[in-house]
Amino acid sequence: MATPDGRPPDLQPAGTLYINQGGRVTCTTHGGGYLQAAAGQQRYVDGDHITTPLDDWEVFSPEVVAEDGLECETCARGGHR
């Protein structure tokens, strides 16, 4: 079931981040449509990879994110959370 704005549901816990092979750190909101759609398909855990037509993303749980001090690059620059 889609969210009110038409996006797929986010099955990942709040605070989950994704890092692509180029080192880009992003949240589901700022990861783009392909990542949003894939994240809405199933539950992922630390170390899982989400492969989209444009990228390969490694999943980092909120616990690892907090421990490693990671943050979404767009959110950190003042993008909407």
N, C-alpha and C. Protein backbone atom coordinates (compact mmCIF):
# COMPACT_ATOMS: atom_id res chain seq x y z
N MET A 1 0.85 -1.18 0.00
CA MET A 1 0.00 0.00 0.00
C MET A 1 0.89 1.24 0.00
N ALA A 2 0.58 2.18 -0.82
CA ALA A 2 1.38 3.40 -0.95
C ALA A 2 1.06 4.39 0.17
N THR A 3 2.00 5.30 0.41
CA THR A 3 1.77 6.37 1.37
C THR A 3 0.83 7.40 0.73
N PRO A 4 0.31 8.35 1.50
CA PRO A 4 -0.61 9.35 0.92
C PRO A 4 -0.03 10.12 -0.27
N ASP A 5 1.30 10.29 -0.30
CA ASP A 5 1.89 11.02 -1.43
C ASP A 5 2.28 10.10 -2.58
N GLY A 6 1.85 8.83 -2.51
CA GLY A 6 2.07 7.91 -3.62
C GLY A 6 3.34 7.09 -3.53
N ARG A 7 4.20 7.36 -2.53
CA ARG A 7 5.43 6.59 -2.38
C ARG A 7 5.11 5.22 -1.78
N PRO A 8 5.95 4.22 -2.07
CA PRO A 8 5.77 2.93 -1.41
C PRO A 8 5.99 3.08 0.09
N PRO A 9 5.43 2.19 0.90
CA PRO A 9 5.65 2.29 2.34
C PRO A 9 7.11 2.03 2.67
N ASP A 10 7.59 2.65 3.74
CA ASP A 10 8.96 2.43 4.17
C ASP A 10 8.95 1.33 5.23
N LEU A 11 9.39 0.16 4.87
CA LEU A 11 9.40 -0.97 5.79
C LEU A 11 10.62 -0.97 6.68
N GLN A 12 11.52 -0.04 6.46
CA GLN A 12 12.74 0.03 7.26
C GLN A 12 12.49 0.91 8.48
N PRO A 13 13.13 0.60 9.61
CA PRO A 13 12.95 1.45 10.79
C PRO A 13 13.42 2.88 10.52
N ALA A 14 12.78 3.82 11.18
CA ALA A 14 13.22 5.22 11.08
C ALA A 14 14.68 5.31 11.47
N GLY A 15 15.45 6.05 10.70
CA GLY A 15 16.87 6.19 10.99
C GLY A 15 17.76 5.26 10.18
N THR A 16 17.16 4.36 9.40
CA THR A 16 17.95 3.49 8.53
C THR A 16 18.60 4.34 7.44
N LEU A 17 19.87 4.08 7.14
CA LEU A 17 20.55 4.79 6.06
C LEU A 17 21.11 3.80 5.06
N TYR A 18 21.46 4.31 3.90
CA TYR A 18 21.97 3.51 2.79
C TYR A 18 23.23 4.18 2.27
N ILE A 19 24.24 3.39 1.95
CA ILE A 19 25.48 3.93 1.38
C ILE A 19 25.74 3.21 0.07
N ASN A 20 25.94 4.01 -1.00
CA ASN A 20 26.20 3.39 -2.30
C ASN A 20 27.70 3.14 -2.47
N GLN A 21 28.05 2.53 -3.58
CA GLN A 21 29.45 2.16 -3.83
C GLN A 21 30.35 3.38 -3.96
N GLY A 22 29.79 4.54 -4.27
CA GLY A 22 30.56 5.77 -4.37
C GLY A 22 30.70 6.49 -3.04
N GLY A 23 30.08 5.96 -1.99
CA GLY A 23 30.19 6.55 -0.67
C GLY A 23 29.08 7.51 -0.30
N ARG A 24 28.08 7.67 -1.16
CA ARG A 24 26.97 8.58 -0.84
C ARG A 24 26.12 7.97 0.27
N VAL A 25 25.86 8.76 1.30
CA VAL A 25 25.03 8.33 2.43
C VAL A 25 23.68 9.01 2.30
N THR A 26 22.60 8.21 2.34
CA THR A 26 21.27 8.79 2.16
C THR A 26 20.23 8.06 2.99
N CYS A 27 19.14 8.76 3.24
CA CYS A 27 17.98 8.16 3.88
C CYS A 27 17.02 7.72 2.76
N THR A 28 15.95 7.06 3.14
CA THR A 28 14.98 6.62 2.14
C THR A 28 14.37 7.80 1.39
N THR A 29 14.04 8.85 2.11
CA THR A 29 13.41 10.03 1.51
C THR A 29 14.26 10.64 0.41
N HIS A 30 15.57 10.72 0.63
CA HIS A 30 16.46 11.39 -0.32
C HIS A 30 17.18 10.44 -1.27
N GLY A 31 16.91 9.15 -1.17
CA GLY A 31 17.59 8.17 -2.01
C GLY A 31 17.04 8.04 -3.41
N GLY A 32 15.92 8.66 -3.68
CA GLY A 32 15.33 8.59 -5.01
C GLY A 32 14.27 7.51 -5.13
N GLY A 33 13.55 7.55 -6.21
CA GLY A 33 12.42 6.67 -6.43
C GLY A 33 12.75 5.19 -6.45
N TYR A 34 13.86 4.82 -7.08
CA TYR A 34 14.22 3.40 -7.14
C TYR A 34 14.51 2.85 -5.74
N LEU A 35 15.27 3.59 -4.94
CA LEU A 35 15.57 3.14 -3.59
C LEU A 35 14.30 3.11 -2.74
N GLN A 36 13.46 4.12 -2.87
CA GLN A 36 12.21 4.15 -2.12
C GLN A 36 11.34 2.94 -2.45
N ALA A 37 11.25 2.62 -3.73
CA ALA A 37 10.44 1.48 -4.15
C ALA A 37 11.01 0.17 -3.61
N ALA A 38 12.32 0.01 -3.70
CA ALA A 38 12.95 -1.22 -3.22
C ALA A 38 12.82 -1.36 -1.71
N ALA A 39 13.00 -0.26 -0.98
CA ALA A 39 12.89 -0.29 0.48
C ALA A 39 11.47 -0.61 0.92
N GLY A 40 10.50 -0.34 0.06
CA GLY A 40 9.11 -0.65 0.36
C GLY A 40 8.69 -2.06 0.02
N GLN A 41 9.58 -2.84 -0.57
CA GLN A 41 9.25 -4.19 -1.00
C GLN A 41 9.44 -5.24 0.09
N GLN A 42 10.47 -5.08 0.91
CA GLN A 42 10.75 -6.06 1.95
C GLN A 42 11.58 -5.43 3.05
N ARG A 43 11.71 -6.15 4.16
CA ARG A 43 12.50 -5.67 5.30
C ARG A 43 13.95 -6.05 5.08
N TYR A 44 14.86 -5.10 5.24
CA TYR A 44 16.29 -5.35 5.09
C TYR A 44 16.97 -5.18 6.44
N VAL A 45 18.13 -5.82 6.60
CA VAL A 45 18.91 -5.71 7.83
C VAL A 45 20.32 -5.26 7.49
N ASP A 46 21.11 -4.95 8.53
CA ASP A 46 22.49 -4.50 8.33
C ASP A 46 23.24 -5.38 7.35
N GLY A 47 23.93 -4.72 6.44
CA GLY A 47 24.77 -5.43 5.49
C GLY A 47 24.06 -5.92 4.25
N ASP A 48 22.73 -5.91 4.26
CA ASP A 48 21.99 -6.28 3.06
C ASP A 48 22.29 -5.26 1.96
N HIS A 49 22.16 -5.69 0.73
CA HIS A 49 22.33 -4.79 -0.40
C HIS A 49 21.02 -4.67 -1.15
N ILE A 50 20.69 -3.45 -1.51
CA ILE A 50 19.54 -3.18 -2.36
C ILE A 50 20.11 -2.75 -3.70
N THR A 51 19.85 -3.53 -4.71
CA THR A 51 20.33 -3.20 -6.05
C THR A 51 19.19 -2.59 -6.84
N THR A 52 19.41 -1.39 -7.34
CA THR A 52 18.43 -0.69 -8.16
C THR A 52 19.02 -0.54 -9.57
N PRO A 53 18.21 -0.11 -10.53
CA PRO A 53 18.75 0.09 -11.87
C PRO A 53 19.89 1.11 -11.94
N LEU A 54 19.98 1.99 -10.93
CA LEU A 54 21.01 3.02 -10.97
C LEU A 54 22.15 2.81 -9.98
N ASP A 55 21.96 1.97 -8.95
CA ASP A 55 22.98 1.88 -7.91
C ASP A 55 22.84 0.61 -7.09
N ASP A 56 23.85 0.37 -6.27
CA ASP A 56 23.85 -0.72 -5.29
C ASP A 56 24.02 -0.05 -3.94
N TRP A 57 23.07 -0.27 -3.03
CA TRP A 57 23.07 0.38 -1.73
C TRP A 57 23.25 -0.65 -0.63
N GLU A 58 24.12 -0.35 0.33
CA GLU A 58 24.25 -1.19 1.51
C GLU A 58 23.39 -0.58 2.61
N VAL A 59 22.69 -1.44 3.34
CA VAL A 59 21.76 -1.02 4.37
C VAL A 59 22.47 -0.92 5.72
N PHE A 60 22.21 0.18 6.45
CA PHE A 60 22.76 0.38 7.79
C PHE A 60 21.62 0.68 8.75
N SER A 61 21.49 -0.13 9.80
CA SER A 61 20.40 0.02 10.77
C SER A 61 20.59 1.28 11.60
N PRO A 62 19.51 1.74 12.25
CA PRO A 62 19.62 2.92 13.11
C PRO A 62 20.68 2.75 14.21
N GLU A 63 20.86 1.54 14.70
CA GLU A 63 21.86 1.30 15.74
C GLU A 63 23.27 1.54 15.21
N VAL A 64 23.56 1.02 14.04
CA VAL A 64 24.89 1.21 13.43
C VAL A 64 25.07 2.67 13.04
N VAL A 65 24.02 3.29 12.53
CA VAL A 65 24.07 4.70 12.15
C VAL A 65 24.47 5.55 13.36
N ALA A 66 23.82 5.30 14.50
CA ALA A 66 24.12 6.06 15.72
C ALA A 66 25.54 5.77 16.22
N GLU A 67 25.91 4.50 16.21
CA GLU A 67 27.24 4.10 16.68
C GLU A 67 28.35 4.71 15.84
N ASP A 68 28.14 4.76 14.53
CA ASP A 68 29.17 5.27 13.62
C ASP A 68 29.03 6.76 13.32
N GLY A 69 27.99 7.40 13.84
CA GLY A 69 27.80 8.84 13.62
C GLY A 69 27.47 9.17 12.18
N LEU A 70 26.77 8.28 11.49
CA LEU A 70 26.41 8.52 10.09
C LEU A 70 25.18 9.42 10.02
N GLU A 71 25.05 10.17 8.93
CA GLU A 71 23.84 10.93 8.68
C GLU A 71 23.65 11.09 7.17
N CYS A 72 22.40 11.24 6.79
CA CYS A 72 22.07 11.48 5.39
C CYS A 72 22.72 12.78 4.96
N GLU A 73 23.42 12.77 3.84
CA GLU A 73 24.11 13.96 3.37
C GLU A 73 23.14 15.09 3.03
N THR A 74 21.99 14.75 2.47
CA THR A 74 21.02 15.79 2.11
C THR A 74 20.39 16.38 3.37
N CYS A 75 20.03 15.53 4.32
CA CYS A 75 19.46 16.03 5.58
C CYS A 75 20.47 16.92 6.29
N ALA A 76 21.73 16.54 6.27
CA ALA A 76 22.78 17.30 6.95
C ALA A 76 22.98 18.68 6.34
N ARG A 77 22.68 18.80 5.03
CA ARG A 77 22.81 20.09 4.35
C ARG A 77 21.54 20.92 4.47
N GLY A 78 20.61 20.47 5.27
CA GLY A 78 19.38 21.24 5.48
C GLY A 78 18.21 20.79 4.64
N GLY A 79 18.35 19.60 3.99
CA GLY A 79 17.23 19.07 3.22
C GLY A 79 16.12 18.64 4.16
N HIS A 80 14.95 18.49 3.65
CA HIS A 80 13.81 18.08 4.46
C HIS A 80 14.00 16.66 4.94
N ARG A 81 13.63 16.38 6.15
CA ARG A 81 13.74 15.03 6.72
C ARG A 81 12.46 14.29 6.53
